[in-house]
ModelCIF file with pLDDT and N, C-alpha, C, O atoms, coordinates in Angstrom:
data_MODEL
#
_entry.id   MODEL 
#
_entity.id                         1 
_entity.type                       polymer 
_entity.pdbx_number_of_molecules   1 
#
_entity_poly.entity_id                      1 
_entity_poly.type                           'polypeptide(L)' 
_entity_poly.nstd_linkage                   no 
_entity_poly.nstd_monomer                   no 
_entity_poly.pdbx_seq_one_letter_code       YKDWFHVHQFPLKEGSAFHYETFGFYEDMPKLN 
_entity_poly.pdbx_seq_one_letter_code_can   YKDWFHVHQFPLKEGSAFHYETFGFYEDMPKLN 
_entity_poly.pdbx_strand_id                 A 
#
loop_
_entity_poly_seq.entity_id 
_entity_poly_seq.num 
_entity_poly_seq.mon_id 
_entity_poly_seq.hetero 
1 1  TYR n 
1 2  LYS n 
1 3  ASP n 
1 4  TRP n 
1 5  PHE n 
1 6  HIS n 
1 7  VAL n 
1 8  HIS n 
1 9  GLN n 
1 10 PHE n 
1 11 PRO n 
1 12 LEU n 
1 13 LYS n 
1 14 GLU n 
1 15 GLY n 
1 16 SER n 
1 17 ALA n 
1 18 PHE n 
1 19 HIS n 
1 20 TYR n 
1 21 GLU n 
1 22 THR n 
1 23 PHE n 
1 24 GLY n 
1 25 PHE n 
1 26 TYR n 
1 27 GLU n 
1 28 ASP n 
1 29 MET n 
1 30 PRO n 
1 31 LYS n 
1 32 LEU n 
1 33 ASN n 
#
_struct_asym.id          A 
_struct_asym.entity_id   1 
#
loop_
_ma_qa_metric.id 
_ma_qa_metric.mode 
_ma_qa_metric.name 
_ma_qa_metric.software_group_id 
_ma_qa_metric.type 
1 global pLDDT . pLDDT 
2 local  pLDDT . pLDDT 
#
_ma_qa_metric_global.metric_id      1 
_ma_qa_metric_global.metric_value   95.55 
_ma_qa_metric_global.model_id       1 
_ma_qa_metric_global.ordinal_id     1 
#
loop_
_ma_qa_metric_local.label_asym_id 
_ma_qa_metric_local.label_comp_id 
_ma_qa_metric_local.label_seq_id 
_ma_qa_metric_local.metric_id 
_ma_qa_metric_local.metric_value 
_ma_qa_metric_local.model_id 
_ma_qa_metric_local.ordinal_id 
A TYR 1  2 98.00 1 1  
A LYS 2  2 97.00 1 2  
A ASP 3  2 97.00 1 3  
A TRP 4  2 98.00 1 4  
A PHE 5  2 98.00 1 5  
A HIS 6  2 97.00 1 6  
A VAL 7  2 97.00 1 7  
A HIS 8  2 96.00 1 8  
A GLN 9  2 95.00 1 9  
A PHE 10 2 95.00 1 10 
A PRO 11 2 94.00 1 11 
A LEU 12 2 94.00 1 12 
A LYS 13 2 93.00 1 13 
A GLU 14 2 92.00 1 14 
A GLY 15 2 91.00 1 15 
A SER 16 2 90.00 1 16 
A ALA 17 2 94.00 1 17 
A PHE 18 2 96.00 1 18 
A HIS 19 2 96.00 1 19 
A TYR 20 2 96.00 1 20 
A GLU 21 2 97.00 1 21 
A THR 22 2 97.00 1 22 
A PHE 23 2 97.00 1 23 
A GLY 24 2 94.00 1 24 
A PHE 25 2 93.00 1 25 
A TYR 26 2 93.00 1 26 
A GLU 27 2 94.00 1 27 
A ASP 28 2 95.00 1 28 
A MET 29 2 97.00 1 29 
A PRO 30 2 98.00 1 30 
A LYS 31 2 98.00 1 31 
A LEU 32 2 98.00 1 32 
A ASN 33 2 98.00 1 33 
#
loop_
_atom_site.group_PDB 
_atom_site.id 
_atom_site.type_symbol 
_atom_site.label_atom_id 
_atom_site.label_alt_id 
_atom_site.label_comp_id 
_atom_site.label_asym_id 
_atom_site.label_entity_id 
_atom_site.label_seq_id 
_atom_site.pdbx_PDB_ins_code 
_atom_site.Cartn_x 
_atom_site.Cartn_y 
_atom_site.Cartn_z 
_atom_site.occupancy 
_atom_site.B_iso_or_equiv 
_atom_site.pdbx_formal_charge 
_atom_site.auth_seq_id 
_atom_site.auth_comp_id 
_atom_site.auth_asym_id 
_atom_site.auth_atom_id 
_atom_site.pdbx_PDB_model_num 
ATOM 1   N N  . TYR A 1 1  ? -2.872  12.072 4.843  1.00 98.00 ? 1  TYR A N  1 
ATOM 2   C CA . TYR A 1 1  ? -1.398  11.306 4.772  1.00 98.00 ? 1  TYR A CA 1 
ATOM 3   C C  . TYR A 1 1  ? -1.397  10.559 3.325  1.00 98.00 ? 1  TYR A C  1 
ATOM 4   O O  . TYR A 1 1  ? -0.466  9.786  3.100  1.00 98.00 ? 1  TYR A O  1 
ATOM 5   N N  . LYS A 1 2  ? -2.244  10.724 2.487  1.00 97.00 ? 2  LYS A N  1 
ATOM 6   C CA . LYS A 1 2  ? -2.346  9.781  1.359  1.00 97.00 ? 2  LYS A CA 1 
ATOM 7   C C  . LYS A 1 2  ? -0.857  9.944  0.470  1.00 97.00 ? 2  LYS A C  1 
ATOM 8   O O  . LYS A 1 2  ? -0.561  9.097  -0.373 1.00 97.00 ? 2  LYS A O  1 
ATOM 9   N N  . ASP A 1 3  ? -0.105  10.937 0.713  1.00 97.00 ? 3  ASP A N  1 
ATOM 10  C CA . ASP A 1 3  ? 1.167   10.987 -0.024 1.00 97.00 ? 3  ASP A CA 1 
ATOM 11  C C  . ASP A 1 3  ? 2.239   10.469 0.919  1.00 97.00 ? 3  ASP A C  1 
ATOM 12  O O  . ASP A 1 3  ? 3.399   10.510 0.509  1.00 97.00 ? 3  ASP A O  1 
ATOM 13  N N  . TRP A 1 4  ? 2.024   10.037 2.006  1.00 98.00 ? 4  TRP A N  1 
ATOM 14  C CA . TRP A 1 4  ? 2.992   9.491  2.969  1.00 98.00 ? 4  TRP A CA 1 
ATOM 15  C C  . TRP A 1 4  ? 3.335   8.175  2.531  1.00 98.00 ? 4  TRP A C  1 
ATOM 16  O O  . TRP A 1 4  ? 4.278   7.652  3.123  1.00 98.00 ? 4  TRP A O  1 
ATOM 17  N N  . PHE A 1 5  ? 2.754   7.500  1.587  1.00 98.00 ? 5  PHE A N  1 
ATOM 18  C CA . PHE A 1 5  ? 2.856   6.305  1.064  1.00 98.00 ? 5  PHE A CA 1 
ATOM 19  C C  . PHE A 1 5  ? 3.030   6.222  -0.394 1.00 98.00 ? 5  PHE A C  1 
ATOM 20  O O  . PHE A 1 5  ? 2.807   7.197  -1.112 1.00 98.00 ? 5  PHE A O  1 
ATOM 21  N N  . HIS A 1 6  ? 3.456   4.992  -0.894 1.00 97.00 ? 6  HIS A N  1 
ATOM 22  C CA . HIS A 1 6  ? 3.556   4.768  -2.383 1.00 97.00 ? 6  HIS A CA 1 
ATOM 23  C C  . HIS A 1 6  ? 2.143   4.019  -2.774 1.00 97.00 ? 6  HIS A C  1 
ATOM 24  O O  . HIS A 1 6  ? 2.046   2.792  -2.798 1.00 97.00 ? 6  HIS A O  1 
ATOM 25  N N  . VAL A 1 7  ? 1.090   4.892  -3.071 1.00 97.00 ? 7  VAL A N  1 
ATOM 26  C CA . VAL A 1 7  ? -0.294  4.292  -3.425 1.00 97.00 ? 7  VAL A CA 1 
ATOM 27  C C  . VAL A 1 7  ? -0.241  4.124  -4.883 1.00 97.00 ? 7  VAL A C  1 
ATOM 28  O O  . VAL A 1 7  ? 0.355   4.977  -5.541 1.00 97.00 ? 7  VAL A O  1 
ATOM 29  N N  . HIS A 1 8  ? -0.790  3.132  -5.459 1.00 96.00 ? 8  HIS A N  1 
ATOM 30  C CA . HIS A 1 8  ? -1.093  2.639  -6.764 1.00 96.00 ? 8  HIS A CA 1 
ATOM 31  C C  . HIS A 1 8  ? -2.435  3.110  -7.111 1.00 96.00 ? 8  HIS A C  1 
ATOM 32  O O  . HIS A 1 8  ? -2.578  3.754  -8.150 1.00 96.00 ? 8  HIS A O  1 
ATOM 33  N N  . GLN A 1 9  ? -3.514  2.837  -6.287 1.00 95.00 ? 9  GLN A N  1 
ATOM 34  C CA . GLN A 1 9  ? -4.777  3.292  -6.560 1.00 95.00 ? 9  GLN A CA 1 
ATOM 35  C C  . GLN A 1 9  ? -5.682  3.210  -5.371 1.00 95.00 ? 9  GLN A C  1 
ATOM 36  O O  . GLN A 1 9  ? -5.281  2.562  -4.404 1.00 95.00 ? 9  GLN A O  1 
ATOM 37  N N  . PHE A 1 10 ? -6.914  3.820  -5.324 1.00 95.00 ? 10 PHE A N  1 
ATOM 38  C CA . PHE A 1 10 ? -7.534  3.821  -4.204 1.00 95.00 ? 10 PHE A CA 1 
ATOM 39  C C  . PHE A 1 10 ? -8.892  2.924  -4.636 1.00 95.00 ? 10 PHE A C  1 
ATOM 40  O O  . PHE A 1 10 ? -9.313  3.078  -5.783 1.00 95.00 ? 10 PHE A O  1 
ATOM 41  N N  . PRO A 1 11 ? -9.556  2.023  -3.767 1.00 94.00 ? 11 PRO A N  1 
ATOM 42  C CA . PRO A 1 11 ? -9.045  2.165  -2.264 1.00 94.00 ? 11 PRO A CA 1 
ATOM 43  C C  . PRO A 1 11 ? -7.862  1.343  -2.151 1.00 94.00 ? 11 PRO A C  1 
ATOM 44  O O  . PRO A 1 11 ? -7.433  0.706  -3.113 1.00 94.00 ? 11 PRO A O  1 
ATOM 45  N N  . LEU A 1 12 ? -7.302  1.333  -0.967 1.00 94.00 ? 12 LEU A N  1 
ATOM 46  C CA . LEU A 1 12 ? -5.935  0.743  -0.917 1.00 94.00 ? 12 LEU A CA 1 
ATOM 47  C C  . LEU A 1 12 ? -6.188  -0.897 -0.849 1.00 94.00 ? 12 LEU A C  1 
ATOM 48  O O  . LEU A 1 12 ? -5.267  -1.641 -1.187 1.00 94.00 ? 12 LEU A O  1 
ATOM 49  N N  . LYS A 1 13 ? -7.248  -1.353 -0.478 1.00 93.00 ? 13 LYS A N  1 
ATOM 50  C CA . LYS A 1 13 ? -7.491  -2.812 -0.345 1.00 93.00 ? 13 LYS A CA 1 
ATOM 51  C C  . LYS A 1 13 ? -8.718  -3.166 -0.880 1.00 93.00 ? 13 LYS A C  1 
ATOM 52  O O  . LYS A 1 13 ? -9.755  -2.579 -0.571 1.00 93.00 ? 13 LYS A O  1 
ATOM 53  N N  . GLU A 1 14 ? -8.660  -4.217 -1.772 1.00 92.00 ? 14 GLU A N  1 
ATOM 54  C CA . GLU A 1 14 ? -9.958  -4.810 -2.210 1.00 92.00 ? 14 GLU A CA 1 
ATOM 55  C C  . GLU A 1 14 ? -9.859  -6.264 -2.360 1.00 92.00 ? 14 GLU A C  1 
ATOM 56  O O  . GLU A 1 14 ? -9.298  -6.868 -3.274 1.00 92.00 ? 14 GLU A O  1 
ATOM 57  N N  . GLY A 1 15 ? -10.522 -6.785 -1.268 1.00 91.00 ? 15 GLY A N  1 
ATOM 58  C CA . GLY A 1 15 ? -10.520 -8.297 -1.099 1.00 91.00 ? 15 GLY A CA 1 
ATOM 59  C C  . GLY A 1 15 ? -8.973  -8.636 -0.410 1.00 91.00 ? 15 GLY A C  1 
ATOM 60  O O  . GLY A 1 15 ? -8.494  -8.118 0.599  1.00 91.00 ? 15 GLY A O  1 
ATOM 61  N N  . SER A 1 16 ? -8.458  -9.515 -1.157 1.00 90.00 ? 16 SER A N  1 
ATOM 62  C CA . SER A 1 16 ? -6.944  -9.949 -0.747 1.00 90.00 ? 16 SER A CA 1 
ATOM 63  C C  . SER A 1 16 ? -5.981  -9.109 -1.543 1.00 90.00 ? 16 SER A C  1 
ATOM 64  O O  . SER A 1 16 ? -4.776  -9.225 -1.319 1.00 90.00 ? 16 SER A O  1 
ATOM 65  N N  . ALA A 1 17 ? -6.402  -8.316 -2.409 1.00 94.00 ? 17 ALA A N  1 
ATOM 66  C CA . ALA A 1 17 ? -5.379  -7.428 -3.126 1.00 94.00 ? 17 ALA A CA 1 
ATOM 67  C C  . ALA A 1 17 ? -5.201  -6.038 -2.438 1.00 94.00 ? 17 ALA A C  1 
ATOM 68  O O  . ALA A 1 17 ? -6.134  -5.365 -2.001 1.00 94.00 ? 17 ALA A O  1 
ATOM 69  N N  . PHE A 1 18 ? -3.833  -5.686 -2.399 1.00 96.00 ? 18 PHE A N  1 
ATOM 70  C CA . PHE A 1 18 ? -3.689  -4.338 -1.877 1.00 96.00 ? 18 PHE A CA 1 
ATOM 71  C C  . PHE A 1 18 ? -2.844  -3.565 -2.998 1.00 96.00 ? 18 PHE A C  1 
ATOM 72  O O  . PHE A 1 18 ? -2.159  -4.128 -3.851 1.00 96.00 ? 18 PHE A O  1 
ATOM 73  N N  . HIS A 1 19 ? -2.997  -2.261 -2.864 1.00 96.00 ? 19 HIS A N  1 
ATOM 74  C CA . HIS A 1 19 ? -2.539  -1.292 -4.130 1.00 96.00 ? 19 HIS A CA 1 
ATOM 75  C C  . HIS A 1 19 ? -1.637  -0.205 -3.520 1.00 96.00 ? 19 HIS A C  1 
ATOM 76  O O  . HIS A 1 19 ? -1.831  0.999  -3.683 1.00 96.00 ? 19 HIS A O  1 
ATOM 77  N N  . TYR A 1 20 ? -0.475  -0.823 -2.691 1.00 96.00 ? 20 TYR A N  1 
ATOM 78  C CA . TYR A 1 20 ? 0.413   0.256  -2.213 1.00 96.00 ? 20 TYR A CA 1 
ATOM 79  C C  . TYR A 1 20 ? 1.670   -0.622 -2.136 1.00 96.00 ? 20 TYR A C  1 
ATOM 80  O O  . TYR A 1 20 ? 1.661   -1.852 -2.079 1.00 96.00 ? 20 TYR A O  1 
ATOM 81  N N  . GLU A 1 21 ? 2.869   0.255  -2.141 1.00 97.00 ? 21 GLU A N  1 
ATOM 82  C CA . GLU A 1 21 ? 4.153   -0.448 -1.967 1.00 97.00 ? 21 GLU A CA 1 
ATOM 83  C C  . GLU A 1 21 ? 4.387   -0.961 -0.536 1.00 97.00 ? 21 GLU A C  1 
ATOM 84  O O  . GLU A 1 21 ? 4.003   -0.306 0.433  1.00 97.00 ? 21 GLU A O  1 
ATOM 85  N N  . THR A 1 22 ? 5.034   -2.166 -0.411 1.00 97.00 ? 22 THR A N  1 
ATOM 86  C CA . THR A 1 22 ? 5.403   -2.600 0.926  1.00 97.00 ? 22 THR A CA 1 
ATOM 87  C C  . THR A 1 22 ? 6.933   -2.924 0.998  1.00 97.00 ? 22 THR A C  1 
ATOM 88  O O  . THR A 1 22 ? 7.673   -2.869 0.015  1.00 97.00 ? 22 THR A O  1 
ATOM 89  N N  . PHE A 1 23 ? 7.328   -3.261 2.239  1.00 97.00 ? 23 PHE A N  1 
ATOM 90  C CA . PHE A 1 23 ? 8.602   -4.070 2.261  1.00 97.00 ? 23 PHE A CA 1 
ATOM 91  C C  . PHE A 1 23 ? 8.370   -5.491 1.958  1.00 97.00 ? 23 PHE A C  1 
ATOM 92  O O  . PHE A 1 23 ? 7.598   -6.224 2.576  1.00 97.00 ? 23 PHE A O  1 
ATOM 93  N N  . GLY A 1 24 ? 9.165   -5.843 0.870  1.00 94.00 ? 24 GLY A N  1 
ATOM 94  C CA . GLY A 1 24 ? 8.936   -7.218 0.299  1.00 94.00 ? 24 GLY A CA 1 
ATOM 95  C C  . GLY A 1 24 ? 7.641   -7.227 -0.306 1.00 94.00 ? 24 GLY A C  1 
ATOM 96  O O  . GLY A 1 24 ? 7.344   -6.418 -1.185 1.00 94.00 ? 24 GLY A O  1 
ATOM 97  N N  . PHE A 1 25 ? 6.832   -8.127 0.132  1.00 93.00 ? 25 PHE A N  1 
ATOM 98  C CA . PHE A 1 25 ? 5.339   -8.282 -0.271 1.00 93.00 ? 25 PHE A CA 1 
ATOM 99  C C  . PHE A 1 25 ? 4.489   -8.395 0.991  1.00 93.00 ? 25 PHE A C  1 
ATOM 100 O O  . PHE A 1 25 ? 3.434   -9.029 0.996  1.00 93.00 ? 25 PHE A O  1 
ATOM 101 N N  . TYR A 1 26 ? 4.943   -7.807 1.992  1.00 93.00 ? 26 TYR A N  1 
ATOM 102 C CA . TYR A 1 26 ? 4.123   -8.011 3.326  1.00 93.00 ? 26 TYR A CA 1 
ATOM 103 C C  . TYR A 1 26 ? 3.171   -6.813 3.406  1.00 93.00 ? 26 TYR A C  1 
ATOM 104 O O  . TYR A 1 26 ? 3.611   -5.669 3.518  1.00 93.00 ? 26 TYR A O  1 
ATOM 105 N N  . GLU A 1 27 ? 1.929   -7.073 3.350  1.00 94.00 ? 27 GLU A N  1 
ATOM 106 C CA . GLU A 1 27 ? 0.890   -5.937 3.365  1.00 94.00 ? 27 GLU A CA 1 
ATOM 107 C C  . GLU A 1 27 ? 0.829   -5.325 4.659  1.00 94.00 ? 27 GLU A C  1 
ATOM 108 O O  . GLU A 1 27 ? 0.242   -4.247 4.761  1.00 94.00 ? 27 GLU A O  1 
ATOM 109 N N  . ASP A 1 28 ? 1.354   -5.865 5.666  1.00 95.00 ? 28 ASP A N  1 
ATOM 110 C CA . ASP A 1 28 ? 1.259   -5.209 6.984  1.00 95.00 ? 28 ASP A CA 1 
ATOM 111 C C  . ASP A 1 28 ? 2.417   -4.260 7.332  1.00 95.00 ? 28 ASP A C  1 
ATOM 112 O O  . ASP A 1 28 ? 2.532   -3.695 8.420  1.00 95.00 ? 28 ASP A O  1 
ATOM 113 N N  . MET A 1 29 ? 3.323   -4.134 6.222  1.00 97.00 ? 29 MET A N  1 
ATOM 114 C CA . MET A 1 29 ? 4.606   -3.289 6.184  1.00 97.00 ? 29 MET A CA 1 
ATOM 115 C C  . MET A 1 29 ? 4.657   -2.085 5.161  1.00 97.00 ? 29 MET A C  1 
ATOM 116 O O  . MET A 1 29 ? 5.647   -1.879 4.458  1.00 97.00 ? 29 MET A O  1 
ATOM 117 N N  . PRO A 1 30 ? 3.557   -1.333 5.132  1.00 98.00 ? 30 PRO A N  1 
ATOM 118 C CA . PRO A 1 30 ? 3.559   -0.282 4.126  1.00 98.00 ? 30 PRO A CA 1 
ATOM 119 C C  . PRO A 1 30 ? 4.918   0.623  3.824  1.00 98.00 ? 30 PRO A C  1 
ATOM 120 O O  . PRO A 1 30 ? 5.505   1.169  4.757  1.00 98.00 ? 30 PRO A O  1 
ATOM 121 N N  . LYS A 1 31 ? 5.260   0.711  2.799  1.00 98.00 ? 31 LYS A N  1 
ATOM 122 C CA . LYS A 1 31 ? 6.559   1.412  2.553  1.00 98.00 ? 31 LYS A CA 1 
ATOM 123 C C  . LYS A 1 31 ? 6.269   3.043  2.522  1.00 98.00 ? 31 LYS A C  1 
ATOM 124 O O  . LYS A 1 31 ? 5.349   3.554  1.884  1.00 98.00 ? 31 LYS A O  1 
ATOM 125 N N  . LEU A 1 32 ? 7.166   3.713  3.278  1.00 98.00 ? 32 LEU A N  1 
ATOM 126 C CA . LEU A 1 32 ? 7.003   5.179  3.466  1.00 98.00 ? 32 LEU A CA 1 
ATOM 127 C C  . LEU A 1 32 ? 7.591   6.034  2.304  1.00 98.00 ? 32 LEU A C  1 
ATOM 128 O O  . LEU A 1 32 ? 8.621   5.686  1.727  1.00 98.00 ? 32 LEU A O  1 
ATOM 129 N N  . ASN A 1 33 ? 6.925   7.131  1.987  1.00 98.00 ? 33 ASN A N  1 
ATOM 130 C CA . ASN A 1 33 ? 7.528   7.835  0.869  1.00 98.00 ? 33 ASN A CA 1 
ATOM 131 C C  . ASN A 1 33 ? 8.403   8.958  1.592  1.00 98.00 ? 33 ASN A C  1 
ATOM 132 O O  . ASN A 1 33 ? 9.063   9.752  0.922  1.00 98.00 ? 33 ASN A O  1 
#
């Protein structure tokens, strides 16, 4: 499912940083591709 989302890099999360597109800047709402 890695192409189901707008991923910038892996891993998706590193500490408090996340590397994927979201609605707004809410990390609990990943944007669908």
